[in-house]
Amino acid sequence: YKCDCNKDYHILAAILLLLWSIYLISILGSTASNYFSPTLANICHRLKLRYDIAGVTLLAFGNGAPDVFSSISSFSGESGTDSTRDAMLVGIGALLGGSVFVTTIVVGSIGIICP
């Protein structure tokens, strides 16, 4: 599909998308500042953890949770059907794909930046 609108609208659309992106990023920052940071400080205080260790640990749990729960949901279901087999393969592929990305790109870039 090709958009065949007038060329004048492309500049307007780019400006609107830029403003929308700035708005969404500011809302995300505000939400993290108002809800995530006080909760993290409370957890750090109760568990007697340093803020940087707790932040990295909870960030890793939050980042990995969707992969784990989507894989669990793909493995649950009636066994023996073709759709369940396909769902299991998708779940395994998602887990392996995420772990390969984290292992190669993230750990590799950290090794290059901080040798």
PDB file of N, CA and C in Angstrom:
ATOM      1  N   TYR A   1       0.837  -1.170   0.000  1.00  0.00           N
ATOM      2  CA  TYR A   1       0.000   0.000   0.000  1.00  0.00           C
ATOM      3  C   TYR A   1       0.881   1.231   0.000  1.00  0.00           C
ATOM      4  N   LYS A   2       0.557   2.145  -0.859  1.00  0.00           N
ATOM      5  CA  LYS A   2       1.324   3.378  -0.951  1.00  0.00           C
ATOM      6  C   LYS A   2       0.402   4.551  -0.674  1.00  0.00           C
ATOM      7  N   CYS A   3       0.864   5.447   0.182  1.00  0.00           N
ATOM      8  CA  CYS A   3       0.092   6.651   0.490  1.00  0.00           C
ATOM      9  C   CYS A   3       0.258   7.629  -0.664  1.00  0.00           C
ATOM     10  N   ASP A   4      -0.828   8.007  -1.272  1.00  0.00           N
ATOM     11  CA  ASP A   4      -0.751   8.937  -2.387  1.00  0.00           C
ATOM     12  C   ASP A   4      -1.347  10.294  -2.018  1.00  0.00           C
ATOM     13  N   CYS A   5      -1.050  10.730  -0.792  1.00  0.00           N
ATOM     14  CA  CYS A   5      -1.515  12.053  -0.384  1.00  0.00           C
ATOM     15  C   CYS A   5      -0.542  13.119  -0.882  1.00  0.00           C
ATOM     16  N   ASN A   6      -0.936  14.314  -0.748  1.00  0.00           N
ATOM     17  CA  ASN A   6      -0.148  15.439  -1.236  1.00  0.00           C
ATOM     18  C   ASN A   6       1.170  15.536  -0.468  1.00  0.00           C
ATOM     19  N   LYS A   7       2.217  16.004  -1.118  1.00  0.00           N
ATOM     20  CA  LYS A   7       3.541  16.121  -0.507  1.00  0.00           C
ATOM     21  C   LYS A   7       3.548  17.091   0.672  1.00  0.00           C
ATOM     22  N   ASP A   8       2.643  18.056   0.679  1.00  0.00           N
ATOM     23  CA  ASP A   8       2.599  19.023   1.775  1.00  0.00           C
ATOM     24  C   ASP A   8       2.239  18.366   3.101  1.00  0.00           C
ATOM     25  N   TYR A   9       1.500  17.291   3.052  1.00  0.00           N
ATOM     26  CA  TYR A   9       1.084  16.625   4.279  1.00  0.00           C
ATOM     27  C   TYR A   9       2.201  15.817   4.920  1.00  0.00           C
ATOM     28  N   HIS A  10       3.231  15.458   4.170  1.00  0.00           N
ATOM     29  CA  HIS A  10       4.335  14.685   4.728  1.00  0.00           C
ATOM     30  C   HIS A  10       5.081  15.490   5.786  1.00  0.00           C
ATOM     31  N   ILE A  11       5.276  16.753   5.551  1.00  0.00           N
ATOM     32  CA  ILE A  11       5.973  17.603   6.527  1.00  0.00           C
ATOM     33  C   ILE A  11       5.112  17.768   7.774  1.00  0.00           C
ATOM     34  N   LEU A  12       3.823  17.981   7.582  1.00  0.00           N
ATOM     35  CA  LEU A  12       2.912  18.111   8.711  1.00  0.00           C
ATOM     36  C   LEU A  12       2.855  16.812   9.513  1.00  0.00           C
ATOM     37  N   ALA A  13       2.812  15.691   8.821  1.00  0.00           N
ATOM     38  CA  ALA A  13       2.775  14.397   9.503  1.00  0.00           C
ATOM     39  C   ALA A  13       4.056  14.153  10.294  1.00  0.00           C
ATOM     40  N   ALA A  14       5.197  14.522   9.729  1.00  0.00           N
ATOM     41  CA  ALA A  14       6.464  14.345  10.442  1.00  0.00           C
ATOM     42  C   ALA A  14       6.513  15.206  11.694  1.00  0.00           C
ATOM     43  N   ILE A  15       6.021  16.417  11.607  1.00  0.00           N
ATOM     44  CA  ILE A  15       6.008  17.305  12.776  1.00  0.00           C
ATOM     45  C   ILE A  15       5.063  16.761  13.844  1.00  0.00           C
ATOM     46  N   LEU A  16       3.887  16.296  13.424  1.00  0.00           N
ATOM     47  CA  LEU A  16       2.938  15.743  14.386  1.00  0.00           C
ATOM     48  C   LEU A  16       3.488  14.479  15.046  1.00  0.00           C
ATOM     49  N   LEU A  17       4.136  13.620  14.285  1.00  0.00           N
ATOM     50  CA  LEU A  17       4.723  12.414  14.860  1.00  0.00           C
ATOM     51  C   LEU A  17       5.860  12.740  15.827  1.00  0.00           C
ATOM     52  N   LEU A  18       6.649  13.745  15.520  1.00  0.00           N
ATOM     53  CA  LEU A  18       7.711  14.161  16.423  1.00  0.00           C
ATOM     54  C   LEU A  18       7.131  14.700  17.729  1.00  0.00           C
ATOM     55  N   LEU A  19       6.103  15.539  17.640  1.00  0.00           N
ATOM     56  CA  LEU A  19       5.454  16.061  18.843  1.00  0.00           C
ATOM     57  C   LEU A  19       4.797  14.954  19.658  1.00  0.00           C
ATOM     58  N   TRP A  20       4.177  13.997  18.979  1.00  0.00           N
ATOM     59  CA  TRP A  20       3.552  12.867  19.664  1.00  0.00           C
ATOM     60  C   TRP A  20       4.597  12.013  20.369  1.00  0.00           C
ATOM     61  N   SER A  21       5.741  11.789  19.740  1.00  0.00           N
ATOM     62  CA  SER A  21       6.817  11.014  20.363  1.00  0.00           C
ATOM     63  C   SER A  21       7.360  11.717  21.594  1.00  0.00           C
ATOM     64  N   ILE A  22       7.547  13.019  21.517  1.00  0.00           N
ATOM     65  CA  ILE A  22       8.021  13.783  22.676  1.00  0.00           C
ATOM     66  C   ILE A  22       7.011  13.702  23.815  1.00  0.00           C
ATOM     67  N   TYR A  23       5.735  13.799  23.493  1.00  0.00           N
ATOM     68  CA  TYR A  23       4.693  13.695  24.513  1.00  0.00           C
ATOM     69  C   TYR A  23       4.711  12.322  25.182  1.00  0.00           C
ATOM     70  N   LEU A  24       4.792  11.253  24.387  1.00  0.00           N
ATOM     71  CA  LEU A  24       4.788   9.905  24.950  1.00  0.00           C
ATOM     72  C   LEU A  24       6.009   9.652  25.823  1.00  0.00           C
ATOM     73  N   ILE A  25       7.172  10.143  25.413  1.00  0.00           N
ATOM     74  CA  ILE A  25       8.379   9.954  26.222  1.00  0.00           C
ATOM     75  C   ILE A  25       8.273  10.726  27.534  1.00  0.00           C
ATOM     76  N   SER A  26       7.702  11.914  27.497  1.00  0.00           N
ATOM     77  CA  SER A  26       7.540  12.676  28.745  1.00  0.00           C
ATOM     78  C   SER A  26       6.542  11.998  29.683  1.00  0.00           C
ATOM     79  N   ILE A  27       5.470  11.432  29.155  1.00  0.00           N
ATOM     80  CA  ILE A  27       4.513  10.704  29.987  1.00  0.00           C
ATOM     81  C   ILE A  27       5.157   9.460  30.581  1.00  0.00           C
ATOM     82  N   LEU A  28       5.974   8.760  29.811  1.00  0.00           N
ATOM     83  CA  LEU A  28       6.675   7.583  30.325  1.00  0.00           C
ATOM     84  C   LEU A  28       7.632   7.963  31.451  1.00  0.00           C
ATOM     85  N   GLY A  29       8.369   9.053  31.276  1.00  0.00           N
ATOM     86  CA  GLY A  29       9.275   9.508  32.322  1.00  0.00           C
ATOM     87  C   GLY A  29       8.541   9.932  33.575  1.00  0.00           C
ATOM     88  N   SER A  30       7.419  10.609  33.408  1.00  0.00           N
ATOM     89  CA  SER A  30       6.617  11.028  34.550  1.00  0.00           C
ATOM     90  C   SER A  30       6.062   9.830  35.312  1.00  0.00           C
ATOM     91  N   THR A  31       5.594   8.822  34.589  1.00  0.00           N
ATOM     92  CA  THR A  31       5.055   7.625  35.230  1.00  0.00           C
ATOM     93  C   THR A  31       6.140   6.880  35.989  1.00  0.00           C
ATOM     94  N   ALA A  32       7.315   6.736  35.391  1.00  0.00           N
ATOM     95  CA  ALA A  32       8.414   6.056  36.073  1.00  0.00           C
ATOM     96  C   ALA A  32       8.858   6.823  37.305  1.00  0.00           C
ATOM     97  N   SER A  33       8.881   8.136  37.208  1.00  0.00           N
ATOM     98  CA  SER A  33       9.299   8.960  38.342  1.00  0.00           C
ATOM     99  C   SER A  33       8.291   8.901  39.486  1.00  0.00           C
ATOM    100  N   ASN A  34       7.017   8.884  39.161  1.00  0.00           N
ATOM    101  CA  ASN A  34       5.991   8.915  40.204  1.00  0.00           C
ATOM    102  C   ASN A  34       5.669   7.558  40.805  1.00  0.00           C
ATOM    103  N   TYR A  35       5.825   6.478  40.046  1.00  0.00           N
ATOM    104  CA  TYR A  35       5.407   5.167  40.535  1.00  0.00           C
ATOM    105  C   TYR A  35       6.553   4.182  40.713  1.00  0.00           C
ATOM    106  N   PHE A  36       7.476   4.116  39.762  1.00  0.00           N
ATOM    107  CA  PHE A  36       8.530   3.109  39.835  1.00  0.00           C
ATOM    108  C   PHE A  36       9.589   3.470  40.867  1.00  0.00           C
ATOM    109  N   SER A  37      10.021   4.714  40.886  1.00  0.00           N
ATOM    110  CA  SER A  37      11.105   5.107  41.794  1.00  0.00           C
ATOM    111  C   SER A  37      10.726   5.001  43.269  1.00  0.00           C
ATOM    112  N   PRO A  38       9.552   5.483  43.707  1.00  0.00           N
ATOM    113  CA  PRO A  38       9.211   5.301  45.121  1.00  0.00           C
ATOM    114  C   PRO A  38       9.040   3.835  45.515  1.00  0.00           C
ATOM    115  N   THR A  39       8.498   3.034  44.606  1.00  0.00           N
ATOM    116  CA  THR A  39       8.347   1.614  44.897  1.00  0.00           C
ATOM    117  C   THR A  39       9.700   0.943  45.013  1.00  0.00           C
ATOM    118  N   LEU A  40      10.613   1.285  44.125  1.00  0.00           N
ATOM    119  CA  LEU A  40      11.955   0.730  44.182  1.00  0.00           C
ATOM    120  C   LEU A  40      12.668   1.152  45.465  1.00  0.00           C
ATOM    121  N   ALA A  41      12.496   2.394  45.887  1.00  0.00           N
ATOM    122  CA  ALA A  41      13.109   2.855  47.140  1.00  0.00           C
ATOM    123  C   ALA A  41      12.540   2.102  48.332  1.00  0.00           C
ATOM    124  N   ASN A  42      11.263   1.825  48.326  1.00  0.00           N
ATOM    125  CA  ASN A  42      10.641   1.064  49.404  1.00  0.00           C
ATOM    126  C   ASN A  42      11.171  -0.361  49.447  1.00  0.00           C
ATOM    127  N   ILE A  43      11.296  -0.993  48.306  1.00  0.00           N
ATOM    128  CA  ILE A  43      11.843  -2.353  48.247  1.00  0.00           C
ATOM    129  C   ILE A  43      13.284  -2.369  48.716  1.00  0.00           C
ATOM    130  N   CYS A  44      14.066  -1.393  48.311  1.00  0.00           N
ATOM    131  CA  CYS A  44      15.461  -1.309  48.745  1.00  0.00           C
ATOM    132  C   CYS A  44      15.555  -1.149  50.261  1.00  0.00           C
ATOM    133  N   HIS A  45      14.694  -0.342  50.818  1.00  0.00           N
ATOM    134  CA  HIS A  45      14.714  -0.111  52.260  1.00  0.00           C
ATOM    135  C   HIS A  45      14.339  -1.386  53.017  1.00  0.00           C
ATOM    136  N   ARG A  46      13.306  -2.084  52.549  1.00  0.00           N
ATOM    137  CA  ARG A  46      12.846  -3.290  53.249  1.00  0.00           C
ATOM    138  C   ARG A  46      13.819  -4.452  53.120  1.00  0.00           C
ATOM    139  N   LEU A  47      14.442  -4.597  51.956  1.00  0.00           N
ATOM    140  CA  LEU A  47      15.372  -5.708  51.747  1.00  0.00           C
ATOM    141  C   LEU A  47      16.822  -5.345  52.056  1.00  0.00           C
ATOM    142  N   LYS A  48      17.056  -4.090  52.421  1.00  0.00           N
ATOM    143  CA  LYS A  48      18.391  -3.584  52.740  1.00  0.00           C
ATOM    144  C   LYS A  48      19.364  -3.809  51.581  1.00  0.00           C
ATOM    145  N   LEU A  49      18.907  -3.386  50.392  1.00  0.00           N
ATOM    146  CA  LEU A  49      19.716  -3.484  49.181  1.00  0.00           C
ATOM    147  C   LEU A  49      20.196  -2.101  48.773  1.00  0.00           C
ATOM    148  N   ARG A  50      21.313  -2.069  48.063  1.00  0.00           N
ATOM    149  CA  ARG A  50      21.737  -0.806  47.471  1.00  0.00           C
ATOM    150  C   ARG A  50      20.820  -0.505  46.291  1.00  0.00           C
ATOM    151  N   TYR A  51      20.649   0.790  46.009  1.00  0.00           N
ATOM    152  CA  TYR A  51      19.725   1.199  44.948  1.00  0.00           C
ATOM    153  C   TYR A  51      20.161   0.700  43.575  1.00  0.00           C
ATOM    154  N   ASP A  52      21.442   0.728  43.286  1.00  0.00           N
ATOM    155  CA  ASP A  52      21.882   0.298  41.955  1.00  0.00           C
ATOM    156  C   ASP A  52      21.695  -1.196  41.756  1.00  0.00           C
ATOM    157  N   ILE A  53      21.955  -2.003  42.786  1.00  0.00           N
ATOM    158  CA  ILE A  53      21.770  -3.455  42.665  1.00  0.00           C
ATOM    159  C   ILE A  53      20.290  -3.789  42.508  1.00  0.00           C
ATOM    160  N   ALA A  54      19.447  -3.172  43.300  1.00  0.00           N
ATOM    161  CA  ALA A  54      18.009  -3.442  43.209  1.00  0.00           C
ATOM    162  C   ALA A  54      17.449  -2.976  41.863  1.00  0.00           C
ATOM    163  N   GLY A  55      17.925  -1.846  41.373  1.00  0.00           N
ATOM    164  CA  GLY A  55      17.443  -1.346  40.086  1.00  0.00           C
ATOM    165  C   GLY A  55      17.790  -2.280  38.944  1.00  0.00           C
ATOM    166  N   VAL A  56      19.011  -2.752  38.929  1.00  0.00           N
ATOM    167  CA  VAL A  56      19.433  -3.670  37.864  1.00  0.00           C
ATOM    168  C   VAL A  56      18.692  -4.994  37.969  1.00  0.00           C
ATOM    169  N   THR A  57      18.525  -5.510  39.180  1.00  0.00           N
ATOM    170  CA  THR A  57      17.843  -6.792  39.369  1.00  0.00           C
ATOM    171  C   THR A  57      16.373  -6.697  38.987  1.00  0.00           C
ATOM    172  N   LEU A  58      15.690  -5.669  39.466  1.00  0.00           N
ATOM    173  CA  LEU A  58      14.278  -5.543  39.152  1.00  0.00           C
ATOM    174  C   LEU A  58      14.050  -5.198  37.686  1.00  0.00           C
ATOM    175  N   LEU A  59      14.982  -4.476  37.093  1.00  0.00           N
ATOM    176  CA  LEU A  59      14.885  -4.196  35.666  1.00  0.00           C
ATOM    177  C   LEU A  59      15.006  -5.487  34.858  1.00  0.00           C
ATOM    178  N   ALA A  60      15.905  -6.362  35.264  1.00  0.00           N
ATOM    179  CA  ALA A  60      16.052  -7.648  34.574  1.00  0.00           C
ATOM    180  C   ALA A  60      14.809  -8.515  34.740  1.00  0.00           C
ATOM    181  N   PHE A  61      14.233  -8.523  35.941  1.00  0.00           N
ATOM    182  CA  PHE A  61      12.997  -9.284  36.136  1.00  0.00           C
ATOM    183  C   PHE A  61      11.852  -8.713  35.306  1.00  0.00           C
ATOM    184  N   GLY A  62      11.735  -7.414  35.278  1.00  0.00           N
ATOM    185  CA  GLY A  62      10.682  -6.780  34.497  1.00  0.00           C
ATOM    186  C   GLY A  62      10.857  -6.974  33.004  1.00  0.00           C
ATOM    187  N   ASN A  63      12.109  -7.017  32.568  1.00  0.00           N
ATOM    188  CA  ASN A  63      12.382  -7.209  31.149  1.00  0.00           C
ATOM    189  C   ASN A  63      12.129  -8.652  30.722  1.00  0.00           C
ATOM    190  N   GLY A  64      12.410  -9.607  31.589  1.00  0.00           N
ATOM    191  CA  GLY A  64      12.258 -11.015  31.229  1.00  0.00           C
ATOM    192  C   GLY A  64      10.893 -11.594  31.499  1.00  0.00           C
ATOM    193  N   ALA A  65      10.080 -10.916  32.293  1.00  0.00           N
ATOM    194  CA  ALA A  65       8.771 -11.457  32.674  1.00  0.00           C
ATOM    195  C   ALA A  65       7.844 -11.712  31.484  1.00  0.00           C
ATOM    196  N   PRO A  66       7.727 -10.813  30.507  1.00  0.00           N
ATOM    197  CA  PRO A  66       6.832 -11.120  29.382  1.00  0.00           C
ATOM    198  C   PRO A  66       7.257 -12.355  28.592  1.00  0.00           C
ATOM    199  N   ASP A  67       8.563 -12.557  28.423  1.00  0.00           N
ATOM    200  CA  ASP A  67       9.025 -13.747  27.711  1.00  0.00           C
ATOM    201  C   ASP A  67       8.658 -15.020  28.468  1.00  0.00           C
ATOM    202  N   VAL A  68       8.841 -14.993  29.771  1.00  0.00           N
ATOM    203  CA  VAL A  68       8.540 -16.180  30.574  1.00  0.00           C
ATOM    204  C   VAL A  68       7.053 -16.486  30.549  1.00  0.00           C
ATOM    205  N   PHE A  69       6.219 -15.485  30.748  1.00  0.00           N
ATOM    206  CA  PHE A  69       4.783 -15.745  30.792  1.00  0.00           C
ATOM    207  C   PHE A  69       4.212 -16.101  29.419  1.00  0.00           C
ATOM    208  N   SER A  70       4.756 -15.544  28.355  1.00  0.00           N
ATOM    209  CA  SER A  70       4.269 -15.944  27.029  1.00  0.00           C
ATOM    210  C   SER A  70       4.694 -17.370  26.711  1.00  0.00           C
ATOM    211  N   SER A  71       5.865 -17.778  27.167  1.00  0.00           N
ATOM    212  CA  SER A  71       6.287 -19.164  26.948  1.00  0.00           C
ATOM    213  C   SER A  71       5.463 -20.128  27.770  1.00  0.00           C
ATOM    214  N   ILE A  72       5.138 -19.755  28.998  1.00  0.00           N
ATOM    215  CA  ILE A  72       4.287 -20.613  29.824  1.00  0.00           C
ATOM    216  C   ILE A  72       2.913 -20.768  29.180  1.00  0.00           C
ATOM    217  N   SER A  73       2.366 -19.678  28.653  1.00  0.00           N
ATOM    218  CA  SER A  73       1.051 -19.772  28.023  1.00  0.00           C
ATOM    219  C   SER A  73       1.104 -20.564  26.722  1.00  0.00           C
ATOM    220  N   SER A  74       2.241 -20.540  26.025  1.00  0.00           N
ATOM    221  CA  SER A  74       2.329 -21.322  24.796  1.00  0.00           C
ATOM    222  C   SER A  74       2.474 -22.811  25.086  1.00  0.00           C
ATOM    223  N   PHE A  75       3.055 -23.158  26.225  1.00  0.00           N
ATOM    224  CA  PHE A  75       3.211 -24.571  26.568  1.00  0.00           C
ATOM    225  C   PHE A  75       1.955 -25.169  27.181  1.00  0.00           C
ATOM    226  N   SER A  76       1.105 -24.353  27.754  1.00  0.00           N
ATOM    227  CA  SER A  76      -0.128 -24.878  28.335  1.00  0.00           C
ATOM    228  C   SER A  76      -1.173 -25.015  27.237  1.00  0.00           C
ATOM    229  N   GLY A  77      -1.971 -26.025  27.342  1.00  0.00           N
ATOM    230  CA  GLY A  77      -2.996 -26.281  26.335  1.00  0.00           C
ATOM    231  C   GLY A  77      -3.141 -27.767  26.117  1.00  0.00           C
ATOM    232  N   GLU A  78      -3.986 -28.141  25.184  1.00  0.00           N
ATOM    233  CA  GLU A  78      -4.191 -29.551  24.899  1.00  0.00           C
ATOM    234  C   GLU A  78      -2.989 -30.107  24.173  1.00  0.00           C
ATOM    235  N   SER A  79      -2.516 -31.230  24.637  1.00  0.00           N
ATOM    236  CA  SER A  79      -1.350 -31.835  23.995  1.00  0.00           C
ATOM    237  C   SER A  79      -1.790 -32.737  22.853  1.00  0.00           C
ATOM    238  N   GLY A  80      -0.934 -32.854  21.874  1.00  0.00           N
ATOM    239  CA  GLY A  80      -1.200 -33.746  20.766  1.00  0.00           C
ATOM    240  C   GLY A  80      -1.757 -33.076  19.529  1.00  0.00           C
ATOM    241  N   THR A  81      -2.163 -31.856  19.608  1.00  0.00           N
ATOM    242  CA  THR A  81      -2.687 -31.180  18.427  1.00  0.00           C
ATOM    243  C   THR A  81      -1.569 -30.427  17.720  1.00  0.00           C
ATOM    244  N   ASP A  82      -1.785 -30.175  16.434  1.00  0.00           N
ATOM    245  CA  ASP A  82      -0.768 -29.474  15.651  1.00  0.00           C
ATOM    246  C   ASP A  82      -0.603 -28.026  16.109  1.00  0.00           C
ATOM    247  N   SER A  83      -1.693 -27.385  16.502  1.00  0.00           N
ATOM    248  CA  SER A  83      -1.585 -25.993  16.938  1.00  0.00           C
ATOM    249  C   SER A  83      -0.797 -25.878  18.235  1.00  0.00           C
ATOM    250  N   THR A  84      -0.933 -26.879  19.123  1.00  0.00           N
ATOM    251  CA  THR A  84      -0.155 -26.865  20.365  1.00  0.00           C
ATOM    252  C   THR A  84       1.321 -27.060  20.061  1.00  0.00           C
ATOM    253  N   ARG A  85       1.626 -27.916  19.109  1.00  0.00           N
ATOM    254  CA  ARG A  85       3.027 -28.139  18.726  1.00  0.00           C
ATOM    255  C   ARG A  85       3.623 -26.863  18.136  1.00  0.00           C
ATOM    256  N   ASP A  86       2.864 -26.177  17.293  1.00  0.00           N
ATOM    257  CA  ASP A  86       3.339 -24.919  16.721  1.00  0.00           C
ATOM    258  C   ASP A  86       3.525 -23.855  17.799  1.00  0.00           C
ATOM    259  N   ALA A  87       2.590 -23.811  18.756  1.00  0.00           N
ATOM    260  CA  ALA A  87       2.702 -22.833  19.842  1.00  0.00           C
ATOM    261  C   ALA A  87       3.925 -23.126  20.704  1.00  0.00           C
ATOM    262  N   MET A  88       4.214 -24.408  20.929  1.00  0.00           N
ATOM    263  CA  MET A  88       5.397 -24.764  21.714  1.00  0.00           C
ATOM    264  C   MET A  88       6.670 -24.363  20.971  1.00  0.00           C
ATOM    265  N   LEU A  89       6.702 -24.547  19.667  1.00  0.00           N
ATOM    266  CA  LEU A  89       7.869 -24.146  18.895  1.00  0.00           C
ATOM    267  C   LEU A  89       8.059 -22.636  18.912  1.00  0.00           C
ATOM    268  N   VAL A  90       6.959 -21.895  18.857  1.00  0.00           N
ATOM    269  CA  VAL A  90       7.048 -20.435  18.953  1.00  0.00           C
ATOM    270  C   VAL A  90       7.580 -20.024  20.321  1.00  0.00           C
ATOM    271  N   GLY A  91       7.114 -20.689  21.384  1.00  0.00           N
ATOM    272  CA  GLY A  91       7.585 -20.380  22.731  1.00  0.00           C
ATOM    273  C   GLY A  91       9.064 -20.654  22.899  1.00  0.00           C
ATOM    274  N   ILE A  92       9.518 -21.778  22.383  1.00  0.00           N
ATOM    275  CA  ILE A  92      10.942 -22.105  22.458  1.00  0.00           C
ATOM    276  C   ILE A  92      11.752 -21.121  21.628  1.00  0.00           C
ATOM    277  N   GLY A  93      11.257 -20.765  20.457  1.00  0.00           N
ATOM    278  CA  GLY A  93      11.955 -19.791  19.616  1.00  0.00           C
ATOM    279  C   GLY A  93      12.046 -18.429  20.265  1.00  0.00           C
ATOM    280  N   ALA A  94      10.984 -18.032  20.948  1.00  0.00           N
ATOM    281  CA  ALA A  94      11.002 -16.727  21.628  1.00  0.00           C
ATOM    282  C   ALA A  94      12.011 -16.716  22.763  1.00  0.00           C
ATOM    283  N   LEU A  95      12.049 -17.781  23.535  1.00  0.00           N
ATOM    284  CA  LEU A  95      13.022 -17.852  24.641  1.00  0.00           C
ATOM    285  C   LEU A  95      14.453 -17.874  24.124  1.00  0.00           C
ATOM    286  N   LEU A  96      14.699 -18.695  23.115  1.00  0.00           N
ATOM    287  CA  LEU A  96      16.060 -18.777  22.584  1.00  0.00           C
ATOM    288  C   LEU A  96      16.463 -17.496  21.876  1.00  0.00           C
ATOM    289  N   GLY A  97      15.538 -16.886  21.154  1.00  0.00           N
ATOM    290  CA  GLY A  97      15.851 -15.645  20.459  1.00  0.00           C
ATOM    291  C   GLY A  97      16.189 -14.521  21.421  1.00  0.00           C
ATOM    292  N   GLY A  98      15.415 -14.403  22.505  1.00  0.00           N
ATOM    293  CA  GLY A  98      15.692 -13.375  23.500  1.00  0.00           C
ATOM    294  C   GLY A  98      17.007 -13.603  24.210  1.00  0.00           C
ATOM    295  N   SER A  99      17.289 -14.856  24.548  1.00  0.00           N
ATOM    296  CA  SER A  99      18.536 -15.130  25.265  1.00  0.00           C
ATOM    297  C   SER A  99      19.751 -14.961  24.361  1.00  0.00           C
ATOM    298  N   VAL A 100      19.629 -15.311  23.097  1.00  0.00           N
ATOM    299  CA  VAL A 100      20.743 -15.105  22.170  1.00  0.00           C
ATOM    300  C   VAL A 100      21.003 -13.619  21.974  1.00  0.00           C
ATOM    301  N   PHE A 101      19.937 -12.820  21.878  1.00  0.00           N
ATOM    302  CA  PHE A 101      20.109 -11.379  21.733  1.00  0.00           C
ATOM    303  C   PHE A 101      20.798 -10.787  22.955  1.00  0.00           C
ATOM    304  N   VAL A 102      20.331 -11.149  24.144  1.00  0.00           N
ATOM    305  CA  VAL A 102      20.931 -10.607  25.362  1.00  0.00           C
ATOM    306  C   VAL A 102      22.384 -11.045  25.479  1.00  0.00           C
ATOM    307  N   THR A 103      22.647 -12.303  25.164  1.00  0.00           N
ATOM    308  CA  THR A 103      24.013 -12.805  25.293  1.00  0.00           C
ATOM    309  C   THR A 103      24.958 -12.146  24.307  1.00  0.00           C
ATOM    310  N   THR A 104      24.553 -12.008  23.078  1.00  0.00           N
ATOM    311  CA  THR A 104      25.474 -11.493  22.073  1.00  0.00           C
ATOM    312  C   THR A 104      25.544  -9.977  22.044  1.00  0.00           C
ATOM    313  N   ILE A 105      24.419  -9.321  21.928  1.00  0.00           N
ATOM    314  CA  ILE A 105      24.415  -7.871  21.726  1.00  0.00           C
ATOM    315  C   ILE A 105      24.678  -7.119  23.028  1.00  0.00           C
ATOM    316  N   VAL A 106      23.919  -7.415  24.063  1.00  0.00           N
ATOM    317  CA  VAL A 106      24.040  -6.656  25.302  1.00  0.00           C
ATOM    318  C   VAL A 106      25.374  -6.931  25.985  1.00  0.00           C
ATOM    319  N   VAL A 107      25.705  -8.192  26.186  1.00  0.00           N
ATOM    320  CA  VAL A 107      26.969  -8.518  26.853  1.00  0.00           C
ATOM    321  C   VAL A 107      28.156  -8.109  25.993  1.00  0.00           C
ATOM    322  N   GLY A 108      28.052  -8.265  24.690  1.00  0.00           N
ATOM    323  CA  GLY A 108      29.133  -7.843  23.802  1.00  0.00           C
ATOM    324  C   GLY A 108      29.361  -6.340  23.813  1.00  0.00           C
ATOM    325  N   SER A 109      28.254  -5.580  23.806  1.00  0.00           N
ATOM    326  CA  SER A 109      28.423  -4.115  23.835  1.00  0.00           C
ATOM    327  C   SER A 109      28.967  -3.644  25.177  1.00  0.00           C
ATOM    328  N   ILE A 110      28.583  -4.291  26.251  1.00  0.00           N
ATOM    329  CA  ILE A 110      29.154  -3.935  27.559  1.00  0.00           C
ATOM    330  C   ILE A 110      30.632  -4.268  27.581  1.00  0.00           C
ATOM    331  N   GLY A 111      31.009  -5.395  26.996  1.00  0.00           N
ATOM    332  CA  GLY A 111      32.437  -5.756  26.943  1.00  0.00           C
ATOM    333  C   GLY A 111      33.243  -4.785  26.102  1.00  0.00           C
ATOM    334  N   ILE A 112      32.650  -4.245  25.061  1.00  0.00           N
ATOM    335  CA  ILE A 112      33.372  -3.281  24.209  1.00  0.00           C
ATOM    336  C   ILE A 112      33.467  -1.920  24.897  1.00  0.00           C
ATOM    337  N   ILE A 113      32.382  -1.487  25.528  1.00  0.00           N
ATOM    338  CA  ILE A 113      32.356  -0.173  26.168  1.00  0.00           C
ATOM    339  C   ILE A 113      33.202  -0.143  27.439  1.00  0.00           C
ATOM    340  N   CYS A 114      33.097  -1.170  28.252  1.00  0.00           N
ATOM    341  CA  CYS A 114      33.833  -1.218  29.537  1.00  0.00           C
ATOM    342  C   CYS A 114      34.747  -2.436  29.545  1.00  0.00           C
ATOM    343  N   PRO A 115      35.893  -2.365  28.900  1.00  0.00           N
ATOM    344  CA  PRO A 115      36.770  -3.552  28.827  1.00  0.00           C
ATOM    345  C   PRO A 115      37.423  -3.909  30.140  1.00  0.00           C
TER     346      PRO A 115
END
